[in-house]
Amino acid sequence: MIKKQTNKLFWDKYAYKLGVYNSGTHIFRNKRLANARTIIDQLQNKHSRGEPLSFKLHRWSQKDQEIQNKDFEDLKILVNAFQDDVDYMLRCEGSRLGIYSNDTSWLKKIARKLNDVPWYWEPNVDTDLAKNTIYLDKPSEYNYKINLNGTADKNFAEYCLKNSHKVKAGDRLIRDLQQGRNLKGKYLYVKDDKILTIVRLFLHNNIMRIDKLVYEPQTDKY
Protein backbone atom coordinates (compact mmCIF):
# COMPACT_ATOMS: atom_id res chain seq x y z
CA MET A 1 0.00 0.00 0.00
CA ILE A 2 1.37 3.37 -1.06
CA LYS A 3 0.52 6.05 1.49
CA LYS A 4 -0.41 9.60 0.55
CA GLN A 5 -1.81 12.53 2.51
CA THR A 6 -4.76 14.84 1.95
CA ASN A 7 -5.38 18.29 3.38
CA LYS A 8 -9.14 18.37 2.87
CA LEU A 9 -12.21 16.14 2.80
CA PHE A 10 -13.03 14.16 -0.33
CA TRP A 11 -16.46 15.19 -1.63
CA ASP A 12 -16.89 17.33 1.51
CA LYS A 13 -17.58 14.15 3.45
CA TYR A 14 -14.87 11.48 3.46
CA ALA A 15 -11.47 11.72 5.14
CA TYR A 16 -9.93 8.62 3.52
CA LYS A 17 -9.52 7.27 0.01
CA LEU A 18 -8.27 3.99 -1.44
CA GLY A 19 -7.14 4.16 -5.07
CA VAL A 20 -7.20 0.89 -7.03
CA TYR A 21 -5.96 0.21 -10.56
CA ASN A 22 -7.88 -2.54 -12.34
CA SER A 23 -8.90 -3.06 -15.99
CA GLY A 24 -12.42 -4.00 -14.90
CA THR A 25 -13.21 -1.37 -12.27
CA HIS A 26 -15.77 0.38 -14.48
CA ILE A 27 -18.24 -2.42 -13.70
CA PHE A 28 -18.73 -0.57 -10.41
CA ARG A 29 -19.73 2.70 -12.09
CA ASN A 30 -22.72 4.31 -10.39
CA LYS A 31 -22.41 1.69 -7.65
CA ARG A 32 -24.45 -0.83 -9.65
CA LEU A 33 -23.37 -3.79 -7.57
CA ALA A 34 -26.01 -6.22 -8.90
CA ASN A 35 -24.77 -5.62 -12.44
CA ALA A 36 -21.16 -5.98 -11.28
CA ARG A 37 -22.00 -9.30 -9.60
CA THR A 38 -23.61 -10.58 -12.82
CA ILE A 39 -20.49 -9.75 -14.85
CA ILE A 40 -18.22 -11.35 -12.25
CA ASP A 41 -20.35 -14.52 -12.30
CA GLN A 42 -20.02 -14.65 -16.10
CA LEU A 43 -16.25 -14.27 -15.78
CA GLN A 44 -16.16 -17.02 -13.18
CA ASN A 45 -17.94 -19.40 -15.59
CA LYS A 46 -15.37 -18.62 -18.29
CA HIS A 47 -12.55 -19.08 -15.82
CA SER A 48 -13.92 -22.48 -14.80
CA ARG A 49 -14.01 -23.55 -18.45
CA GLY A 50 -10.48 -22.31 -19.04
CA GLU A 51 -11.62 -19.65 -21.49
CA PRO A 52 -10.02 -16.19 -21.89
CA LEU A 53 -11.54 -13.68 -19.51
CA SER A 54 -13.54 -10.97 -21.24
CA PHE A 55 -16.94 -9.36 -20.95
CA LYS A 56 -19.22 -6.80 -22.55
CA LEU A 57 -19.65 -3.75 -20.37
CA HIS A 58 -22.90 -2.87 -22.15
CA ARG A 59 -25.29 -4.88 -24.26
CA TRP A 60 -24.50 -2.58 -27.19
CA SER A 61 -20.71 -2.82 -26.82
CA GLN A 62 -18.98 -3.66 -30.12
CA LYS A 63 -16.07 -5.51 -28.55
CA ASP A 64 -15.33 -7.42 -25.39
CA GLN A 65 -13.30 -5.99 -22.53
CA GLU A 66 -10.39 -8.31 -21.77
CA ILE A 67 -9.27 -8.67 -18.18
CA GLN A 68 -6.24 -10.25 -16.54
CA ASN A 69 -6.65 -13.04 -14.03
CA LYS A 70 -5.24 -11.02 -11.11
CA ASP A 71 -7.67 -8.19 -11.90
CA PHE A 72 -10.52 -10.69 -11.95
CA GLU A 73 -9.51 -11.97 -8.51
CA ASP A 74 -9.44 -8.39 -7.21
CA LEU A 75 -12.89 -7.68 -8.63
CA LYS A 76 -14.26 -10.56 -6.56
CA ILE A 77 -12.59 -9.15 -3.44
CA LEU A 78 -14.01 -5.71 -4.15
CA VAL A 79 -17.60 -6.76 -4.86
CA ASN A 80 -17.66 -8.78 -1.64
CA ALA A 81 -16.30 -5.85 0.37
CA PHE A 82 -18.91 -3.52 -1.11
CA GLN A 83 -21.65 -5.65 0.46
CA ASP A 84 -20.48 -4.60 3.95
CA ASP A 85 -22.60 -2.25 6.01
CA VAL A 86 -20.25 0.72 5.58
CA ASP A 87 -20.83 4.26 4.32
CA TYR A 88 -18.68 4.65 1.21
CA MET A 89 -18.61 6.21 -2.23
CA LEU A 90 -17.12 4.94 -5.51
CA ARG A 91 -15.73 6.93 -8.43
CA CYS A 92 -14.53 5.31 -11.66
CA GLU A 93 -12.06 7.04 -13.96
CA GLY A 94 -10.87 4.74 -16.72
CA SER A 95 -9.11 1.83 -15.04
CA ARG A 96 -8.83 3.66 -11.72
CA LEU A 97 -11.33 3.22 -8.93
CA GLY A 98 -11.55 5.60 -5.98
CA ILE A 99 -13.10 4.18 -2.82
CA TYR A 100 -14.00 6.91 -0.29
CA SER A 101 -14.97 6.30 3.31
CA ASN A 102 -14.45 7.44 6.89
CA ASP A 103 -13.90 3.84 7.97
CA THR A 104 -10.13 3.56 7.68
CA SER A 105 -10.06 -0.01 9.07
CA TRP A 106 -12.42 -1.17 6.32
CA LEU A 107 -10.31 0.45 3.58
CA LYS A 108 -7.08 -1.02 4.95
CA LYS A 109 -8.71 -4.46 5.17
CA ILE A 110 -9.56 -4.26 1.47
CA ALA A 111 -6.03 -3.08 0.63
CA ARG A 112 -4.43 -6.06 2.41
CA LYS A 113 -6.47 -8.54 0.35
CA LEU A 114 -5.84 -7.08 -3.10
CA ASN A 115 -3.23 -8.27 -5.59
CA ASP A 116 -2.91 -4.68 -6.75
CA VAL A 117 -0.80 -2.30 -4.67
CA PRO A 118 -3.33 0.46 -3.97
CA TRP A 119 -2.83 4.09 -3.04
CA TYR A 120 -4.16 5.15 0.35
CA TRP A 121 -4.91 8.76 1.32
CA GLU A 122 -5.36 9.92 4.91
CA PRO A 123 -5.48 13.37 6.58
CA ASN A 124 -2.18 15.14 7.15
CA VAL A 125 -3.47 16.66 10.41
CA ASP A 126 -4.52 15.14 13.72
CA THR A 127 -7.74 17.15 13.99
CA ASP A 128 -10.97 16.05 12.31
CA LEU A 129 -11.27 17.51 8.83
CA ALA A 130 -14.08 20.02 8.41
CA LYS A 131 -16.23 20.62 5.35
CA ASN A 132 -15.10 23.39 2.96
CA THR A 133 -11.75 23.63 4.71
CA ILE A 134 -8.20 23.14 3.40
CA TYR A 135 -5.50 22.52 5.98
CA LEU A 136 -2.07 24.03 5.30
CA ASP A 137 1.24 22.98 6.82
CA LYS A 138 2.60 26.51 6.32
CA PRO A 139 1.00 29.84 7.33
CA SER A 140 -0.74 31.76 4.54
CA GLU A 141 -1.58 35.44 4.26
CA TYR A 142 -4.85 34.43 2.60
CA ASN A 143 -7.85 32.98 4.40
CA TYR A 144 -9.95 31.69 1.50
CA LYS A 145 -9.61 29.83 -1.79
CA ILE A 146 -12.36 30.44 -4.34
CA ASN A 147 -13.01 28.08 -7.26
CA LEU A 148 -14.69 29.77 -10.22
CA ASN A 149 -17.12 28.90 -12.98
CA GLY A 150 -18.84 30.76 -15.81
CA THR A 151 -17.77 34.31 -16.66
CA ALA A 152 -17.45 37.44 -14.52
CA ASP A 153 -17.49 41.23 -14.59
CA LYS A 154 -14.41 42.36 -16.58
CA ASN A 155 -13.89 45.12 -14.02
CA PHE A 156 -12.99 42.42 -11.53
CA ALA A 157 -9.67 41.94 -13.34
CA GLU A 158 -8.80 45.58 -12.67
CA TYR A 159 -9.79 45.20 -9.01
CA CYS A 160 -7.50 42.17 -8.65
CA LEU A 161 -4.57 44.04 -10.21
CA LYS A 162 -5.05 47.07 -7.96
CA ASN A 163 -5.48 44.93 -4.84
CA SER A 164 -2.91 42.19 -5.43
CA HIS A 165 -2.03 42.25 -1.72
CA LYS A 166 -5.64 41.33 -0.92
CA VAL A 167 -6.55 39.03 -3.84
CA LYS A 168 -4.11 36.55 -5.36
CA ALA A 169 -5.05 35.83 -8.98
CA GLY A 170 -2.73 34.26 -11.56
CA ASP A 171 -1.85 35.91 -14.87
CA ARG A 172 -3.93 33.38 -16.82
CA LEU A 173 -6.99 34.13 -14.70
CA ILE A 174 -6.51 37.89 -15.16
CA ARG A 175 -6.38 37.44 -18.96
CA ASP A 176 -9.48 35.25 -18.95
CA LEU A 177 -11.35 37.83 -16.87
CA GLN A 178 -10.32 40.65 -19.20
CA GLN A 179 -11.39 38.66 -22.29
CA GLY A 180 -14.66 37.39 -20.81
CA ARG A 181 -13.66 33.72 -21.07
CA ASN A 182 -15.12 30.83 -19.14
CA LEU A 183 -13.50 30.54 -15.73
CA LYS A 184 -14.21 26.89 -15.03
CA GLY A 185 -11.20 25.26 -13.34
CA LYS A 186 -9.70 28.62 -12.31
CA TYR A 187 -9.29 29.78 -8.72
CA LEU A 188 -8.00 32.66 -6.63
CA TYR A 189 -7.12 33.43 -3.02
CA VAL A 190 -8.72 36.09 -0.82
CA LYS A 191 -7.16 37.72 2.24
CA ASP A 192 -10.09 38.03 4.68
CA ASP A 193 -13.88 38.19 5.15
CA LYS A 194 -14.11 41.85 4.19
CA ILE A 195 -12.43 41.25 0.83
CA LEU A 196 -14.47 38.08 0.36
CA THR A 197 -17.66 40.16 0.56
CA ILE A 198 -16.38 42.50 -2.17
CA VAL A 199 -15.31 39.57 -4.37
CA ARG A 200 -18.78 38.05 -4.03
CA LEU A 201 -20.29 41.27 -5.39
CA PHE A 202 -18.14 40.99 -8.52
CA LEU A 203 -18.58 37.26 -9.09
CA HIS A 204 -22.23 36.70 -8.09
CA ASN A 205 -23.16 33.18 -9.25
CA ASN A 206 -19.76 32.48 -10.80
CA ILE A 207 -18.37 31.02 -7.59
CA MET A 208 -18.28 27.23 -7.64
CA ARG A 209 -17.05 26.79 -4.07
CA ILE A 210 -15.27 28.58 -1.25
CA ASP A 211 -12.80 26.82 1.03
CA LYS A 212 -11.40 28.28 4.24
CA LEU A 213 -7.61 27.97 4.61
CA VAL A 214 -6.48 26.84 8.04
CA TYR A 215 -2.88 26.56 9.18
CA GLU A 216 -2.33 23.26 10.98
CA PRO A 217 1.29 22.15 11.50
CA GLN A 218 1.78 18.83 9.74
CA THR A 219 2.60 15.82 11.86
CA ASP A 220 5.03 13.14 10.76
CA LYS A 221 2.81 10.08 10.50
CA TYR A 222 5.43 7.70 9.20
C-alpha atoms as a PDB file:
ATOM      1  CA  MET A   1       0.000   0.000   0.000  1.00  0.00           C
ATOM      2  CA  ILE A   2       1.368   3.372  -1.058  1.00  0.00           C
ATOM      3  CA  LYS A   3       0.518   6.050   1.489  1.00  0.00           C
ATOM      4  CA  LYS A   4      -0.406   9.603   0.548  1.00  0.00           C
ATOM      5  CA  GLN A   5      -1.813  12.527   2.506  1.00  0.00           C
ATOM      6  CA  THR A   6      -4.757  14.840   1.945  1.00  0.00           C
ATOM      7  CA  ASN A   7      -5.376  18.294   3.384  1.00  0.00           C
ATOM      8  CA  LYS A   8      -9.145  18.370   2.870  1.00  0.00           C
ATOM      9  CA  LEU A   9     -12.212  16.135   2.805  1.00  0.00           C
ATOM     10  CA  PHE A  10     -13.027  14.163  -0.327  1.00  0.00           C
ATOM     11  CA  TRP A  11     -16.457  15.194  -1.635  1.00  0.00           C
ATOM     12  CA  ASP A  12     -16.890  17.332   1.505  1.00  0.00           C
ATOM     13  CA  LYS A  13     -17.583  14.151   3.451  1.00  0.00           C
ATOM     14  CA  TYR A  14     -14.874  11.483   3.459  1.00  0.00           C
ATOM     15  CA  ALA A  15     -11.467  11.716   5.137  1.00  0.00           C
ATOM     16  CA  TYR A  16      -9.930   8.620   3.519  1.00  0.00           C
ATOM     17  CA  LYS A  17      -9.520   7.268   0.009  1.00  0.00           C
ATOM     18  CA  LEU A  18      -8.268   3.994  -1.440  1.00  0.00           C
ATOM     19  CA  GLY A  19      -7.142   4.159  -5.069  1.00  0.00           C
ATOM     20  CA  VAL A  20      -7.204   0.887  -7.029  1.00  0.00           C
ATOM     21  CA  TYR A  21      -5.965   0.207 -10.560  1.00  0.00           C
ATOM     22  CA  ASN A  22      -7.883  -2.544 -12.343  1.00  0.00           C
ATOM     23  CA  SER A  23      -8.896  -3.062 -15.986  1.00  0.00           C
ATOM     24  CA  GLY A  24     -12.424  -4.000 -14.897  1.00  0.00           C
ATOM     25  CA  THR A  25     -13.210  -1.368 -12.272  1.00  0.00           C
ATOM     26  CA  HIS A  26     -15.775   0.379 -14.481  1.00  0.00           C
ATOM     27  CA  ILE A  27     -18.242  -2.423 -13.696  1.00  0.00           C
ATOM     28  CA  PHE A  28     -18.733  -0.569 -10.413  1.00  0.00           C
ATOM     29  CA  ARG A  29     -19.728   2.696 -12.089  1.00  0.00           C
ATOM     30  CA  ASN A  30     -22.722   4.315 -10.386  1.00  0.00           C
ATOM     31  CA  LYS A  31     -22.411   1.687  -7.646  1.00  0.00           C
ATOM     32  CA  ARG A  32     -24.455  -0.828  -9.653  1.00  0.00           C
ATOM     33  CA  LEU A  33     -23.374  -3.793  -7.567  1.00  0.00           C
ATOM     34  CA  ALA A  34     -26.014  -6.223  -8.898  1.00  0.00           C
ATOM     35  CA  ASN A  35     -24.772  -5.617 -12.442  1.00  0.00           C
ATOM     36  CA  ALA A  36     -21.162  -5.984 -11.279  1.00  0.00           C
ATOM     37  CA  ARG A  37     -21.997  -9.296  -9.604  1.00  0.00           C
ATOM     38  CA  THR A  38     -23.609 -10.581 -12.823  1.00  0.00           C
ATOM     39  CA  ILE A  39     -20.493  -9.753 -14.848  1.00  0.00           C
ATOM     40  CA  ILE A  40     -18.217 -11.354 -12.253  1.00  0.00           C
ATOM     41  CA  ASP A  41     -20.351 -14.521 -12.296  1.00  0.00           C
ATOM     42  CA  GLN A  42     -20.020 -14.651 -16.095  1.00  0.00           C
ATOM     43  CA  LEU A  43     -16.252 -14.267 -15.782  1.00  0.00           C
ATOM     44  CA  GLN A  44     -16.164 -17.024 -13.176  1.00  0.00           C
ATOM     45  CA  ASN A  45     -17.937 -19.399 -15.588  1.00  0.00           C
ATOM     46  CA  LYS A  46     -15.374 -18.615 -18.291  1.00  0.00           C
ATOM     47  CA  HIS A  47     -12.545 -19.083 -15.816  1.00  0.00           C
ATOM     48  CA  SER A  48     -13.920 -22.485 -14.801  1.00  0.00           C
ATOM     49  CA  ARG A  49     -14.011 -23.550 -18.455  1.00  0.00           C
ATOM     50  CA  GLY A  50     -10.477 -22.314 -19.040  1.00  0.00           C
ATOM     51  CA  GLU A  51     -11.615 -19.652 -21.486  1.00  0.00           C
ATOM     52  CA  PRO A  52     -10.020 -16.195 -21.890  1.00  0.00           C
ATOM     53  CA  LEU A  53     -11.536 -13.678 -19.508  1.00  0.00           C
ATOM     54  CA  SER A  54     -13.540 -10.970 -21.236  1.00  0.00           C
ATOM     55  CA  PHE A  55     -16.944  -9.360 -20.947  1.00  0.00           C
ATOM     56  CA  LYS A  56     -19.222  -6.798 -22.551  1.00  0.00           C
ATOM     57  CA  LEU A  57     -19.651  -3.746 -20.368  1.00  0.00           C
ATOM     58  CA  HIS A  58     -22.902  -2.871 -22.153  1.00  0.00           C
ATOM     59  CA  ARG A  59     -25.294  -4.883 -24.264  1.00  0.00           C
ATOM     60  CA  TRP A  60     -24.502  -2.578 -27.193  1.00  0.00           C
ATOM     61  CA  SER A  61     -20.709  -2.821 -26.823  1.00  0.00           C
ATOM     62  CA  GLN A  62     -18.983  -3.662 -30.121  1.00  0.00           C
ATOM     63  CA  LYS A  63     -16.068  -5.511 -28.550  1.00  0.00           C
ATOM     64  CA  ASP A  64     -15.329  -7.420 -25.391  1.00  0.00           C
ATOM     65  CA  GLN A  65     -13.302  -5.989 -22.528  1.00  0.00           C
ATOM     66  CA  GLU A  66     -10.391  -8.312 -21.766  1.00  0.00           C
ATOM     67  CA  ILE A  67      -9.268  -8.672 -18.180  1.00  0.00           C
ATOM     68  CA  GLN A  68      -6.237 -10.245 -16.538  1.00  0.00           C
ATOM     69  CA  ASN A  69      -6.654 -13.044 -14.029  1.00  0.00           C
ATOM     70  CA  LYS A  70      -5.243 -11.015 -11.113  1.00  0.00           C
ATOM     71  CA  ASP A  71      -7.665  -8.192 -11.905  1.00  0.00           C
ATOM     72  CA  PHE A  72     -10.521 -10.691 -11.953  1.00  0.00           C
ATOM     73  CA  GLU A  73      -9.515 -11.971  -8.509  1.00  0.00           C
ATOM     74  CA  ASP A  74      -9.436  -8.391  -7.205  1.00  0.00           C
ATOM     75  CA  LEU A  75     -12.889  -7.683  -8.634  1.00  0.00           C
ATOM     76  CA  LYS A  76     -14.262 -10.558  -6.556  1.00  0.00           C
ATOM     77  CA  ILE A  77     -12.587  -9.148  -3.444  1.00  0.00           C
ATOM     78  CA  LEU A  78     -14.015  -5.708  -4.147  1.00  0.00           C
ATOM     79  CA  VAL A  79     -17.595  -6.759  -4.859  1.00  0.00           C
ATOM     80  CA  ASN A  80     -17.659  -8.785  -1.640  1.00  0.00           C
ATOM     81  CA  ALA A  81     -16.297  -5.845   0.369  1.00  0.00           C
ATOM     82  CA  PHE A  82     -18.913  -3.522  -1.112  1.00  0.00           C
ATOM     83  CA  GLN A  83     -21.645  -5.653   0.465  1.00  0.00           C
ATOM     84  CA  ASP A  84     -20.475  -4.598   3.946  1.00  0.00           C
ATOM     85  CA  ASP A  85     -22.597  -2.246   6.013  1.00  0.00           C
ATOM     86  CA  VAL A  86     -20.245   0.724   5.581  1.00  0.00           C
ATOM     87  CA  ASP A  87     -20.834   4.260   4.320  1.00  0.00           C
ATOM     88  CA  TYR A  88     -18.681   4.649   1.211  1.00  0.00           C
ATOM     89  CA  MET A  89     -18.611   6.206  -2.233  1.00  0.00           C
ATOM     90  CA  LEU A  90     -17.124   4.944  -5.507  1.00  0.00           C
ATOM     91  CA  ARG A  91     -15.728   6.928  -8.430  1.00  0.00           C
ATOM     92  CA  CYS A  92     -14.532   5.313 -11.659  1.00  0.00           C
ATOM     93  CA  GLU A  93     -12.059   7.041 -13.962  1.00  0.00           C
ATOM     94  CA  GLY A  94     -10.867   4.738 -16.717  1.00  0.00           C
ATOM     95  CA  SER A  95      -9.105   1.827 -15.044  1.00  0.00           C
ATOM     96  CA  ARG A  96      -8.829   3.657 -11.724  1.00  0.00           C
ATOM     97  CA  LEU A  97     -11.328   3.220  -8.932  1.00  0.00           C
ATOM     98  CA  GLY A  98     -11.550   5.603  -5.980  1.00  0.00           C
ATOM     99  CA  ILE A  99     -13.104   4.181  -2.817  1.00  0.00           C
ATOM    100  CA  TYR A 100     -14.000   6.907  -0.291  1.00  0.00           C
ATOM    101  CA  SER A 101     -14.966   6.300   3.313  1.00  0.00           C
ATOM    102  CA  ASN A 102     -14.454   7.444   6.889  1.00  0.00           C
ATOM    103  CA  ASP A 103     -13.900   3.843   7.965  1.00  0.00           C
ATOM    104  CA  THR A 104     -10.128   3.558   7.684  1.00  0.00           C
ATOM    105  CA  SER A 105     -10.060  -0.012   9.067  1.00  0.00           C
ATOM    106  CA  TRP A 106     -12.421  -1.169   6.317  1.00  0.00           C
ATOM    107  CA  LEU A 107     -10.312   0.448   3.582  1.00  0.00           C
ATOM    108  CA  LYS A 108      -7.084  -1.020   4.952  1.00  0.00           C
ATOM    109  CA  LYS A 109      -8.713  -4.457   5.169  1.00  0.00           C
ATOM    110  CA  ILE A 110      -9.559  -4.258   1.465  1.00  0.00           C
ATOM    111  CA  ALA A 111      -6.032  -3.085   0.631  1.00  0.00           C
ATOM    112  CA  ARG A 112      -4.433  -6.061   2.413  1.00  0.00           C
ATOM    113  CA  LYS A 113      -6.474  -8.541   0.346  1.00  0.00           C
ATOM    114  CA  LEU A 114      -5.841  -7.075  -3.101  1.00  0.00           C
ATOM    115  CA  ASN A 115      -3.232  -8.269  -5.588  1.00  0.00           C
ATOM    116  CA  ASP A 116      -2.912  -4.677  -6.747  1.00  0.00           C
ATOM    117  CA  VAL A 117      -0.803  -2.300  -4.668  1.00  0.00           C
ATOM    118  CA  PRO A 118      -3.333   0.457  -3.973  1.00  0.00           C
ATOM    119  CA  TRP A 119      -2.829   4.087  -3.038  1.00  0.00           C
ATOM    120  CA  TYR A 120      -4.159   5.151   0.351  1.00  0.00           C
ATOM    121  CA  TRP A 121      -4.911   8.761   1.319  1.00  0.00           C
ATOM    122  CA  GLU A 122      -5.361   9.924   4.907  1.00  0.00           C
ATOM    123  CA  PRO A 123      -5.483  13.372   6.581  1.00  0.00           C
ATOM    124  CA  ASN A 124      -2.184  15.140   7.153  1.00  0.00           C
ATOM    125  CA  VAL A 125      -3.471  16.656  10.408  1.00  0.00           C
ATOM    126  CA  ASP A 126      -4.518  15.144  13.720  1.00  0.00           C
ATOM    127  CA  THR A 127      -7.738  17.154  13.985  1.00  0.00           C
ATOM    128  CA  ASP A 128     -10.967  16.055  12.310  1.00  0.00           C
ATOM    129  CA  LEU A 129     -11.265  17.509   8.827  1.00  0.00           C
ATOM    130  CA  ALA A 130     -14.078  20.021   8.408  1.00  0.00           C
ATOM    131  CA  LYS A 131     -16.231  20.624   5.353  1.00  0.00           C
ATOM    132  CA  ASN A 132     -15.100  23.390   2.960  1.00  0.00           C
ATOM    133  CA  THR A 133     -11.747  23.631   4.714  1.00  0.00           C
ATOM    134  CA  ILE A 134      -8.202  23.145   3.396  1.00  0.00           C
ATOM    135  CA  TYR A 135      -5.496  22.519   5.982  1.00  0.00           C
ATOM    136  CA  LEU A 136      -2.072  24.025   5.296  1.00  0.00           C
ATOM    137  CA  ASP A 137       1.244  22.980   6.817  1.00  0.00           C
ATOM    138  CA  LYS A 138       2.599  26.511   6.323  1.00  0.00           C
ATOM    139  CA  PRO A 139       0.999  29.840   7.333  1.00  0.00           C
ATOM    140  CA  SER A 140      -0.735  31.759   4.545  1.00  0.00           C
ATOM    141  CA  GLU A 141      -1.577  35.438   4.256  1.00  0.00           C
ATOM    142  CA  TYR A 142      -4.846  34.434   2.596  1.00  0.00           C
ATOM    143  CA  ASN A 143      -7.852  32.983   4.401  1.00  0.00           C
ATOM    144  CA  TYR A 144      -9.950  31.691   1.496  1.00  0.00           C
ATOM    145  CA  LYS A 145      -9.612  29.834  -1.789  1.00  0.00           C
ATOM    146  CA  ILE A 146     -12.362  30.435  -4.343  1.00  0.00           C
ATOM    147  CA  ASN A 147     -13.009  28.083  -7.262  1.00  0.00           C
ATOM    148  CA  LEU A 148     -14.689  29.767 -10.217  1.00  0.00           C
ATOM    149  CA  ASN A 149     -17.119  28.903 -12.984  1.00  0.00           C
ATOM    150  CA  GLY A 150     -18.839  30.764 -15.814  1.00  0.00           C
ATOM    151  CA  THR A 151     -17.767  34.315 -16.663  1.00  0.00           C
ATOM    152  CA  ALA A 152     -17.447  37.445 -14.519  1.00  0.00           C
ATOM    153  CA  ASP A 153     -17.487  41.233 -14.594  1.00  0.00           C
ATOM    154  CA  LYS A 154     -14.409  42.356 -16.582  1.00  0.00           C
ATOM    155  CA  ASN A 155     -13.888  45.124 -14.022  1.00  0.00           C
ATOM    156  CA  PHE A 156     -12.986  42.424 -11.533  1.00  0.00           C
ATOM    157  CA  ALA A 157      -9.670  41.940 -13.341  1.00  0.00           C
ATOM    158  CA  GLU A 158      -8.797  45.577 -12.668  1.00  0.00           C
ATOM    159  CA  TYR A 159      -9.794  45.196  -9.009  1.00  0.00           C
ATOM    160  CA  CYS A 160      -7.497  42.174  -8.649  1.00  0.00           C
ATOM    161  CA  LEU A 161      -4.573  44.044 -10.207  1.00  0.00           C
ATOM    162  CA  LYS A 162      -5.046  47.072  -7.957  1.00  0.00           C
ATOM    163  CA  ASN A 163      -5.478  44.929  -4.838  1.00  0.00           C
ATOM    164  CA  SER A 164      -2.908  42.195  -5.432  1.00  0.00           C
ATOM    165  CA  HIS A 165      -2.029  42.249  -1.717  1.00  0.00           C
ATOM    166  CA  LYS A 166      -5.643  41.327  -0.919  1.00  0.00           C
ATOM    167  CA  VAL A 167      -6.545  39.031  -3.840  1.00  0.00           C
ATOM    168  CA  LYS A 168      -4.111  36.551  -5.362  1.00  0.00           C
ATOM    169  CA  ALA A 169      -5.050  35.829  -8.984  1.00  0.00           C
ATOM    170  CA  GLY A 170      -2.734  34.263 -11.563  1.00  0.00           C
ATOM    171  CA  ASP A 171      -1.848  35.910 -14.871  1.00  0.00           C
ATOM    172  CA  ARG A 172      -3.925  33.381 -16.824  1.00  0.00           C
ATOM    173  CA  LEU A 173      -6.988  34.133 -14.699  1.00  0.00           C
ATOM    174  CA  ILE A 174      -6.509  37.886 -15.159  1.00  0.00           C
ATOM    175  CA  ARG A 175      -6.377  37.441 -18.956  1.00  0.00           C
ATOM    176  CA  ASP A 176      -9.479  35.251 -18.949  1.00  0.00           C
ATOM    177  CA  LEU A 177     -11.346  37.832 -16.872  1.00  0.00           C
ATOM    178  CA  GLN A 178     -10.322  40.646 -19.203  1.00  0.00           C
ATOM    179  CA  GLN A 179     -11.387  38.665 -22.294  1.00  0.00           C
ATOM    180  CA  GLY A 180     -14.656  37.385 -20.811  1.00  0.00           C
ATOM    181  CA  ARG A 181     -13.660  33.720 -21.067  1.00  0.00           C
ATOM    182  CA  ASN A 182     -15.119  30.832 -19.136  1.00  0.00           C
ATOM    183  CA  LEU A 183     -13.495  30.544 -15.729  1.00  0.00           C
ATOM    184  CA  LYS A 184     -14.207  26.887 -15.034  1.00  0.00           C
ATOM    185  CA  GLY A 185     -11.200  25.260 -13.339  1.00  0.00           C
ATOM    186  CA  LYS A 186      -9.702  28.617 -12.306  1.00  0.00           C
ATOM    187  CA  TYR A 187      -9.288  29.783  -8.724  1.00  0.00           C
ATOM    188  CA  LEU A 188      -8.000  32.663  -6.632  1.00  0.00           C
ATOM    189  CA  TYR A 189      -7.118  33.426  -3.017  1.00  0.00           C
ATOM    190  CA  VAL A 190      -8.717  36.091  -0.825  1.00  0.00           C
ATOM    191  CA  LYS A 191      -7.163  37.719   2.236  1.00  0.00           C
ATOM    192  CA  ASP A 192     -10.088  38.027   4.675  1.00  0.00           C
ATOM    193  CA  ASP A 193     -13.876  38.187   5.153  1.00  0.00           C
ATOM    194  CA  LYS A 194     -14.113  41.853   4.193  1.00  0.00           C
ATOM    195  CA  ILE A 195     -12.433  41.254   0.833  1.00  0.00           C
ATOM    196  CA  LEU A 196     -14.469  38.084   0.360  1.00  0.00           C
ATOM    197  CA  THR A 197     -17.659  40.162   0.563  1.00  0.00           C
ATOM    198  CA  ILE A 198     -16.377  42.498  -2.167  1.00  0.00           C
ATOM    199  CA  VAL A 199     -15.314  39.568  -4.368  1.00  0.00           C
ATOM    200  CA  ARG A 200     -18.781  38.045  -4.027  1.00  0.00           C
ATOM    201  CA  LEU A 201     -20.291  41.272  -5.391  1.00  0.00           C
ATOM    202  CA  PHE A 202     -18.140  40.987  -8.519  1.00  0.00           C
ATOM    203  CA  LEU A 203     -18.578  37.261  -9.085  1.00  0.00           C
ATOM    204  CA  HIS A 204     -22.233  36.700  -8.087  1.00  0.00           C
ATOM    205  CA  ASN A 205     -23.159  33.180  -9.249  1.00  0.00           C
ATOM    206  CA  ASN A 206     -19.756  32.480 -10.799  1.00  0.00           C
ATOM    207  CA  ILE A 207     -18.367  31.022  -7.587  1.00  0.00           C
ATOM    208  CA  MET A 208     -18.279  27.225  -7.641  1.00  0.00           C
ATOM    209  CA  ARG A 209     -17.052  26.791  -4.071  1.00  0.00           C
ATOM    210  CA  ILE A 210     -15.267  28.582  -1.252  1.00  0.00           C
ATOM    211  CA  ASP A 211     -12.796  26.822   1.034  1.00  0.00           C
ATOM    212  CA  LYS A 212     -11.401  28.276   4.238  1.00  0.00           C
ATOM    213  CA  LEU A 213      -7.615  27.969   4.613  1.00  0.00           C
ATOM    214  CA  VAL A 214      -6.484  26.842   8.045  1.00  0.00           C
ATOM    215  CA  TYR A 215      -2.882  26.559   9.184  1.00  0.00           C
ATOM    216  CA  GLU A 216      -2.333  23.258  10.977  1.00  0.00           C
ATOM    217  CA  PRO A 217       1.287  22.151  11.498  1.00  0.00           C
ATOM    218  CA  GLN A 218       1.779  18.830   9.739  1.00  0.00           C
ATOM    219  CA  THR A 219       2.604  15.815  11.857  1.00  0.00           C
ATOM    220  CA  ASP A 220       5.027  13.139  10.763  1.00  0.00           C
ATOM    221  CA  LYS A 221       2.807  10.083  10.500  1.00  0.00           C
ATOM    222  CA  TYR A 222       5.433   7.703   9.201  1.00  0.00           C
END
